[in-house]
Amino acid sequence: MGAAPIKIDTTETAFKLTAEQLRAAITPKTKALILPYPSNPTGVTLTAAELGEIADVVRETDIFVIADEIYSELTFFGAHTSIATMIRDQTIVINGLSKSHAMIGWRIGFLMAPEAITSQMLKVHQYSVTCASSISQKAAEEALINGKDDAVQMRTEYNTRAGFVQERLSKMGFSIIEPDGAFYFFAKLPDQITQNSFDWAIELAENAKVAVVPGSAFSEKGDRYFRLSFAASFSQLAEAMDRMATFMEKYA
């Protein structure tokens, strides 16, 4: 559509967008803020107070917030707050069941926005796709009615695994900002590793048989980082940490 994305560097603010950063980035041409939280790849989320400050900036403009809240049910340290509760008329909320109910690949999602927006979206959407399969829709209905609390046990287990992985990674020399939700670590490579994140990740995969995503896949600001998912069995995570520890011995 000819839009030009403006990227905001959050590596110095614990991976959190601040109101000051947003205000500095907005131009007369700005149409929307894309705000994912808890975030992939960092796992970091925003508090109600932090969202309130961002909402105050948005109120000064006529832009929309596209709030990707797909990890909203997987927060470790308190309930998720939607920015739509603060600026309802300027928010488009994207959510779904792929994370909260492990329905990855079922392609069931939902969107909430002011009626003036959704009525126009529907015109495009209904002719772009047919519809989700009846099986997927029935499964989603069951998940939302009788399985609405399924994510509680899931997030508790993810939090336990996060603690295990964080301790192991820290001992290996990686710098980590503790995630607030989702199921990722966006870990920083120690200074003694001189390779870029892509080359290091390839060497890790080839020699330790552990796959991570190089931070450069997310932006140029992520080149000294890598993303590791802890959405795996505890035995797989333990094996992965053992392999990585052996691999990192050469940097000790």
Protein backbone atom coordinates (compact mmCIF):
# COMPACT_ATOMS: atom_id res chain seq x y z
CA MET A 1 0.00 0.00 0.00
CA GLY A 2 3.03 2.27 -0.18
CA ALA A 3 3.42 2.65 3.57
CA ALA A 4 6.88 3.23 5.05
CA PRO A 5 7.46 1.48 8.40
CA ILE A 6 9.28 3.38 11.13
CA LYS A 7 11.19 1.10 13.51
CA ILE A 8 11.73 2.05 17.14
CA ASP A 9 14.82 0.68 18.91
CA THR A 10 13.91 -0.72 22.36
CA THR A 11 17.20 -2.44 23.15
CA GLU A 12 18.05 0.29 25.68
CA THR A 13 14.61 0.31 27.36
CA ALA A 14 14.38 -3.38 28.36
CA PHE A 15 12.59 -4.14 25.06
CA LYS A 16 9.66 -1.91 26.05
CA LEU A 17 8.22 0.87 23.92
CA THR A 18 8.03 4.09 25.92
CA ALA A 19 5.71 7.03 25.49
CA GLU A 20 8.70 9.27 24.81
CA GLN A 21 9.95 7.01 22.01
CA LEU A 22 6.50 6.89 20.45
CA ARG A 23 6.02 10.66 20.58
CA ALA A 24 9.39 11.18 18.89
CA ALA A 25 8.59 8.69 16.12
CA ILE A 26 5.15 10.01 15.13
CA THR A 27 5.04 12.15 11.99
CA PRO A 28 2.16 13.88 10.17
CA LYS A 29 2.02 10.80 7.90
CA THR A 30 1.72 8.25 10.71
CA LYS A 31 -1.38 6.07 10.43
CA ALA A 32 -0.93 3.39 13.09
CA LEU A 33 1.22 1.98 15.86
CA ILE A 34 1.76 -1.79 15.67
CA LEU A 35 2.05 -2.90 19.30
CA PRO A 36 2.60 -6.61 20.09
CA TYR A 37 2.67 -7.53 23.80
CA PRO A 38 3.68 -9.89 25.33
CA SER A 39 6.18 -9.78 22.54
CA ASN A 40 7.68 -12.28 20.16
CA PRO A 41 10.71 -12.56 20.26
CA THR A 42 11.44 -11.00 23.67
CA GLY A 43 8.59 -12.27 25.86
CA VAL A 44 8.43 -8.80 27.43
CA THR A 45 5.03 -7.19 28.03
CA LEU A 46 3.70 -3.79 29.11
CA THR A 47 2.07 -2.88 32.42
CA ALA A 48 -1.19 -0.98 32.71
CA ALA A 49 0.75 2.11 33.77
CA GLU A 50 3.09 1.89 30.77
CA LEU A 51 0.14 1.37 28.43
CA GLY A 52 -1.60 4.36 29.99
CA GLU A 53 1.34 6.60 29.08
CA ILE A 54 1.32 5.28 25.50
CA ALA A 55 -2.46 5.77 25.32
CA ASP A 56 -2.03 9.40 26.40
CA VAL A 57 0.28 9.99 23.42
CA VAL A 58 -2.11 8.27 21.00
CA ARG A 59 -5.03 10.42 22.24
CA GLU A 60 -3.14 13.47 21.05
CA THR A 61 -3.29 12.12 17.48
CA ASP A 62 -5.75 10.49 15.09
CA ILE A 63 -3.67 7.30 14.66
CA PHE A 64 -4.80 3.78 15.50
CA VAL A 65 -3.09 1.20 17.67
CA ILE A 66 -2.98 -2.28 16.13
CA ALA A 67 -2.59 -4.28 19.33
CA ASP A 68 -1.35 -7.83 18.74
CA GLU A 69 -2.37 -9.50 22.01
CA ILE A 70 -2.10 -13.14 20.93
CA TYR A 71 -0.08 -14.00 24.09
CA SER A 72 -2.50 -12.20 26.43
CA GLU A 73 -3.38 -15.37 28.39
CA LEU A 74 0.27 -16.31 28.96
CA THR A 75 1.48 -13.61 31.34
CA PHE A 76 3.48 -14.61 34.41
CA PHE A 77 3.36 -11.61 36.75
CA GLY A 78 -0.20 -10.30 36.72
CA ALA A 79 -3.23 -10.03 34.48
CA HIS A 80 -2.91 -8.76 30.93
CA THR A 81 -4.30 -5.29 30.25
CA SER A 82 -5.60 -4.44 26.80
CA ILE A 83 -4.89 -0.93 25.61
CA ALA A 84 -8.39 -1.08 24.11
CA THR A 85 -9.76 -0.51 27.62
CA MET A 86 -8.08 2.90 27.53
CA ILE A 87 -8.50 4.09 23.92
CA ARG A 88 -11.31 1.89 22.59
CA ASP A 89 -12.10 4.10 19.60
CA GLN A 90 -8.47 4.11 18.44
CA THR A 91 -7.59 0.44 18.95
CA ILE A 92 -7.71 -2.63 16.73
CA VAL A 93 -7.12 -5.77 18.84
CA ILE A 94 -5.80 -8.94 17.19
CA ASN A 95 -6.06 -12.18 19.15
CA GLY A 96 -6.72 -15.88 18.65
CA LEU A 97 -6.37 -19.38 20.06
CA SER A 98 -3.03 -20.55 18.69
CA LYS A 99 -1.12 -19.65 21.87
CA SER A 100 -3.72 -19.77 24.66
CA HIS A 101 -5.07 -23.17 23.62
CA ALA A 102 -2.11 -24.52 21.58
CA MET A 103 -4.23 -24.43 18.39
CA ILE A 104 -1.28 -23.53 16.19
CA GLY A 105 -2.09 -24.17 12.54
CA TRP A 106 -5.86 -24.21 13.04
CA ARG A 107 -5.98 -20.60 11.78
CA ILE A 108 -8.66 -19.45 14.21
CA GLY A 109 -8.33 -15.84 15.29
CA PHE A 110 -10.52 -12.89 16.09
CA LEU A 111 -10.37 -9.14 15.85
CA MET A 112 -12.01 -6.33 17.81
CA ALA A 113 -12.23 -2.77 16.52
CA PRO A 114 -14.66 0.13 16.18
CA GLU A 115 -17.59 -0.78 13.92
CA ALA A 116 -16.55 1.78 11.32
CA ILE A 117 -13.29 -0.13 10.90
CA THR A 118 -14.62 -3.70 11.04
CA SER A 119 -17.34 -3.00 8.48
CA GLN A 120 -14.68 -2.01 5.96
CA MET A 121 -12.38 -4.90 6.92
CA LEU A 122 -15.21 -7.36 6.29
CA LYS A 123 -15.54 -6.16 2.70
CA VAL A 124 -11.94 -7.17 2.04
CA HIS A 125 -11.85 -10.25 4.25
CA GLN A 126 -14.92 -12.04 2.95
CA TYR A 127 -13.57 -12.02 -0.61
CA SER A 128 -9.98 -12.84 0.38
CA VAL A 129 -10.75 -16.11 2.16
CA THR A 130 -13.57 -18.61 2.25
CA CYS A 131 -13.92 -19.45 5.93
CA ALA A 132 -12.33 -21.45 8.70
CA SER A 133 -13.27 -25.13 8.56
CA SER A 134 -16.32 -26.24 10.55
CA ILE A 135 -14.04 -28.53 12.60
CA SER A 136 -11.84 -25.60 13.58
CA GLN A 137 -14.82 -23.43 14.46
CA LYS A 138 -16.39 -26.12 16.67
CA ALA A 139 -13.05 -26.74 18.39
CA ALA A 140 -12.63 -23.00 19.00
CA GLU A 141 -16.14 -22.78 20.43
CA GLU A 142 -15.37 -25.65 22.82
CA ALA A 143 -12.06 -24.02 23.79
CA LEU A 144 -13.65 -20.66 24.57
CA ILE A 145 -16.60 -22.09 26.52
CA ASN A 146 -15.39 -25.20 28.35
CA GLY A 147 -11.66 -24.65 28.08
CA LYS A 148 -11.48 -20.95 28.87
CA ASP A 149 -9.11 -21.59 31.81
CA ASP A 150 -6.84 -24.04 29.96
CA ALA A 151 -4.09 -21.45 29.68
CA VAL A 152 -3.76 -21.15 33.49
CA GLN A 153 -1.99 -24.49 33.87
CA MET A 154 -0.05 -23.86 30.67
CA ARG A 155 1.38 -20.51 31.79
CA THR A 156 2.33 -21.94 35.19
CA GLU A 157 4.32 -24.66 33.48
CA TYR A 158 5.88 -22.21 31.03
CA ASN A 159 6.96 -20.01 33.93
CA THR A 160 8.66 -23.00 35.59
CA ARG A 161 10.49 -23.85 32.38
CA ALA A 162 11.45 -20.21 31.92
CA GLY A 163 13.16 -20.22 35.33
CA PHE A 164 15.08 -23.38 34.50
CA VAL A 165 16.26 -22.14 31.11
CA GLN A 166 17.14 -18.66 32.40
CA GLU A 167 19.37 -20.07 35.12
CA ARG A 168 21.19 -22.31 32.65
CA LEU A 169 21.64 -19.59 30.01
CA SER A 170 22.91 -17.10 32.59
CA LYS A 171 25.58 -19.57 33.74
CA MET A 172 26.73 -19.83 30.11
CA GLY A 173 27.34 -16.08 29.97
CA PHE A 174 24.28 -14.88 28.06
CA SER A 175 22.70 -11.58 29.11
CA ILE A 176 18.94 -11.95 29.60
CA ILE A 177 16.01 -9.68 30.33
CA GLU A 178 13.47 -11.80 32.19
CA PRO A 179 10.35 -12.35 30.05
CA ASP A 180 6.97 -11.35 31.45
CA GLY A 181 4.99 -13.73 29.24
CA ALA A 182 4.84 -15.68 25.97
CA PHE A 183 7.49 -18.44 25.83
CA TYR A 184 10.73 -16.92 24.55
CA PHE A 185 14.08 -15.64 25.67
CA PHE A 186 15.72 -12.92 23.58
CA ALA A 187 19.22 -13.46 24.89
CA LYS A 188 22.26 -11.31 24.18
CA LEU A 189 25.48 -12.93 23.03
CA PRO A 190 28.48 -12.41 25.34
CA ASP A 191 31.20 -10.04 24.14
CA GLN A 192 33.69 -12.85 23.49
CA ILE A 193 31.51 -14.08 20.63
CA THR A 194 32.55 -11.95 17.68
CA GLN A 195 30.32 -13.59 15.06
CA ASN A 196 27.03 -12.10 14.03
CA SER A 197 23.92 -13.82 15.35
CA PHE A 198 23.17 -15.64 12.09
CA ASP A 199 26.62 -17.23 11.77
CA TRP A 200 26.64 -18.14 15.47
CA ALA A 201 23.19 -19.74 15.22
CA ILE A 202 24.30 -21.78 12.20
CA GLU A 203 27.39 -23.01 14.06
CA LEU A 204 25.26 -23.89 17.10
CA ALA A 205 22.87 -25.88 14.91
CA GLU A 206 25.63 -27.69 13.05
CA ASN A 207 27.77 -28.54 16.08
CA ALA A 208 25.35 -28.79 19.01
CA LYS A 209 22.21 -29.70 17.06
CA VAL A 210 20.27 -26.96 18.85
CA ALA A 211 18.16 -24.60 16.74
CA VAL A 212 17.60 -20.98 17.75
CA VAL A 213 16.49 -17.97 15.70
CA PRO A 214 19.18 -15.32 15.13
CA GLY A 215 18.13 -11.90 16.37
CA SER A 216 18.89 -10.37 12.97
CA ALA A 217 15.73 -12.11 11.70
CA PHE A 218 13.70 -9.55 13.67
CA SER A 219 15.66 -6.39 12.86
CA GLU A 220 19.19 -5.10 12.49
CA LYS A 221 19.02 -4.06 16.15
CA GLY A 222 18.79 -7.72 17.13
CA ASP A 223 22.05 -8.87 15.60
CA ARG A 224 23.72 -9.45 18.99
CA TYR A 225 20.76 -11.50 20.21
CA PHE A 226 19.06 -14.81 19.55
CA ARG A 227 15.57 -16.06 20.30
CA LEU A 228 15.08 -19.33 22.14
CA SER A 229 11.64 -20.86 22.69
CA PHE A 230 10.98 -22.80 25.89
CA ALA A 231 7.68 -24.22 24.58
CA ALA A 232 9.14 -27.72 24.59
CA SER A 233 9.14 -30.65 26.97
CA PHE A 234 11.29 -30.33 30.07
CA SER A 235 13.47 -33.23 28.91
CA GLN A 236 14.06 -31.54 25.55
CA LEU A 237 14.94 -28.26 27.25
CA ALA A 238 17.36 -30.01 29.63
CA GLU A 239 19.05 -31.76 26.70
CA ALA A 240 19.26 -28.51 24.75
CA MET A 241 20.82 -26.69 27.71
CA ASP A 242 23.38 -29.47 28.17
CA ARG A 243 24.34 -29.30 24.50
CA MET A 244 24.59 -25.52 24.55
CA ALA A 245 26.71 -25.58 27.71
CA THR A 246 29.16 -27.96 26.06
CA PHE A 247 29.21 -25.81 22.93
CA MET A 248 29.86 -22.62 24.95
CA GLU A 249 32.85 -24.07 26.79
CA LYS A 250 35.13 -22.87 24.00
CA TYR A 251 34.16 -19.26 24.81
CA ALA A 252 34.85 -19.59 28.55
